[in-house]
Amino acid sequence: QVQLVESGGGLVQAGGSLRLICAASGSTSRIKNMGWYRQAPGKQRELVASITSEGTTNYADSVKGRFAISRNYAKNTVFLQMNSLKPEDTAVYYCNADARMYGNYWGQGSKVTVSS
């Protein structure tokens, strides 16, 4: 089992920045990829950014150039630095850990609100 605990959400004005943090515990050696997803009211959950165990990153087109995902492998932590935030970035952000055959895990969600 893997447990994910998120922190760092909040309220920010448009153009501001926030940093989300996700700390993994438990069977962390089984984690391959980690990522951040978000779900806005009335919309489906979507991938924001992901990072593989080798450090390869992937971003949704809507956040490229504004968000950056990084990972501290020693501390089993993944970060999402969000800059130049827009009102349309408002959503609940979820951390995800892909442990392949051992399961797929989600954090509790961290609310991000961007005011115009």
Protein backbone atom coordinates (compact mmCIF):
# COMPACT_ATOMS: atom_id res chain seq x y z
CA GLN A 1 0.00 0.00 0.00
CA VAL A 2 1.02 3.57 -0.70
CA GLN A 3 -0.30 6.61 1.14
CA LEU A 4 -0.18 10.08 -0.39
CA VAL A 5 -0.53 13.29 1.59
CA GLU A 6 -0.84 16.59 -0.23
CA SER A 7 -0.28 20.14 0.93
CA GLY A 8 0.13 23.60 -0.50
CA GLY A 9 -3.21 24.50 -2.02
CA GLY A 10 -5.05 27.71 -1.32
CA LEU A 11 -6.39 30.97 -2.68
CA VAL A 12 -4.27 33.13 -4.96
CA GLN A 13 -4.87 36.01 -7.33
CA ALA A 14 -4.48 35.58 -11.06
CA GLY A 15 -0.84 35.81 -12.04
CA GLY A 16 0.30 34.45 -8.70
CA SER A 17 2.08 31.24 -7.78
CA LEU A 18 1.48 28.21 -5.61
CA ARG A 19 3.48 25.09 -4.90
CA LEU A 20 1.82 21.77 -4.26
CA ILE A 21 3.62 19.04 -2.37
CA CYS A 22 2.80 15.34 -2.25
CA ALA A 23 4.55 13.06 0.22
CA ALA A 24 4.37 9.32 -0.31
CA SER A 25 4.75 6.69 2.39
CA GLY A 26 4.35 2.94 2.65
CA SER A 27 5.55 0.74 -0.19
CA THR A 28 7.21 3.62 -2.01
CA SER A 29 9.80 1.43 -3.72
CA ARG A 30 6.99 0.14 -5.93
CA ILE A 31 6.12 3.56 -7.30
CA LYS A 32 7.08 4.13 -10.93
CA ASN A 33 5.36 7.24 -12.17
CA MET A 34 3.88 10.10 -10.20
CA GLY A 35 1.66 12.88 -11.34
CA TRP A 36 -0.82 15.60 -10.62
CA TYR A 37 -4.39 15.62 -11.86
CA ARG A 38 -7.10 18.20 -11.36
CA GLN A 39 -10.85 18.27 -11.38
CA ALA A 40 -12.82 21.46 -11.79
CA PRO A 41 -16.51 21.66 -10.81
CA GLY A 42 -18.64 19.90 -13.40
CA LYS A 43 -15.65 18.62 -15.33
CA GLN A 44 -13.78 15.35 -15.59
CA ARG A 45 -10.50 14.77 -13.84
CA GLU A 46 -7.60 15.57 -16.15
CA LEU A 47 -3.86 15.03 -16.14
CA VAL A 48 -1.88 18.16 -15.36
CA ALA A 49 1.68 16.83 -15.24
CA SER A 50 3.51 13.58 -14.68
CA ILE A 51 7.07 12.43 -14.02
CA THR A 52 8.49 8.96 -14.51
CA SER A 53 10.96 7.12 -12.31
CA GLU A 54 13.61 8.18 -14.84
CA GLY A 55 12.64 11.84 -14.58
CA THR A 56 10.81 12.21 -17.87
CA THR A 57 8.08 14.81 -17.57
CA ASN A 58 4.83 15.36 -19.41
CA TYR A 59 2.45 18.32 -19.25
CA ALA A 60 -1.02 19.19 -20.37
CA ASP A 61 -0.92 21.79 -23.13
CA SER A 62 -2.87 24.21 -20.96
CA VAL A 63 -0.09 24.39 -18.34
CA LYS A 64 3.06 24.11 -20.44
CA GLY A 65 5.47 26.90 -19.67
CA ARG A 66 3.65 27.81 -16.45
CA PHE A 67 3.78 24.67 -14.30
CA ALA A 68 6.76 22.51 -13.40
CA ILE A 69 6.72 19.06 -11.84
CA SER A 70 9.69 17.73 -9.92
CA ARG A 71 10.44 14.77 -7.72
CA ASN A 72 12.70 14.06 -4.77
CA TYR A 73 13.28 10.35 -5.07
CA ALA A 74 15.12 10.06 -1.76
CA LYS A 75 12.26 11.67 0.16
CA ASN A 76 9.47 10.13 -1.95
CA THR A 77 8.02 13.56 -2.62
CA VAL A 78 6.66 15.17 -5.76
CA PHE A 79 6.13 18.88 -6.28
CA LEU A 80 4.06 20.98 -8.63
CA GLN A 81 5.23 24.56 -8.99
CA MET A 82 2.40 26.59 -10.50
CA ASN A 83 3.21 30.05 -11.86
CA SER A 84 1.19 32.62 -13.77
CA LEU A 85 -1.98 31.08 -12.44
CA LYS A 86 -5.25 31.74 -14.22
CA PRO A 87 -8.85 31.52 -12.98
CA GLU A 88 -9.31 28.47 -15.20
CA ASP A 89 -6.68 26.67 -13.12
CA THR A 90 -9.16 26.62 -10.25
CA ALA A 91 -9.77 23.00 -9.31
CA VAL A 92 -9.08 20.30 -6.78
CA TYR A 93 -5.63 18.93 -7.49
CA TYR A 94 -4.89 15.28 -6.81
CA CYS A 95 -1.55 13.57 -6.48
CA ASN A 96 -1.26 10.18 -8.15
CA ALA A 97 1.24 7.35 -7.74
CA ASP A 98 1.41 4.57 -10.28
CA ALA A 99 2.83 1.40 -8.76
CA ARG A 100 1.92 -0.64 -11.85
CA MET A 101 0.87 -4.15 -10.86
CA TYR A 102 0.87 -3.15 -7.20
CA GLY A 103 -1.84 -0.54 -7.64
CA ASN A 104 -2.68 3.05 -8.46
CA TYR A 105 -3.02 5.49 -5.59
CA TRP A 106 -4.54 8.92 -5.05
CA GLY A 107 -4.08 11.70 -2.54
CA GLN A 108 -6.98 13.32 -0.73
CA GLY A 109 -7.03 16.36 -3.00
CA SER A 110 -5.86 19.92 -2.50
CA LYS A 111 -8.09 22.82 -3.48
CA VAL A 112 -6.62 25.60 -5.58
CA THR A 113 -8.67 28.73 -6.18
CA VAL A 114 -7.47 31.48 -8.50
CA SER A 115 -9.35 34.75 -8.29
CA SER A 116 -9.55 37.18 -11.20
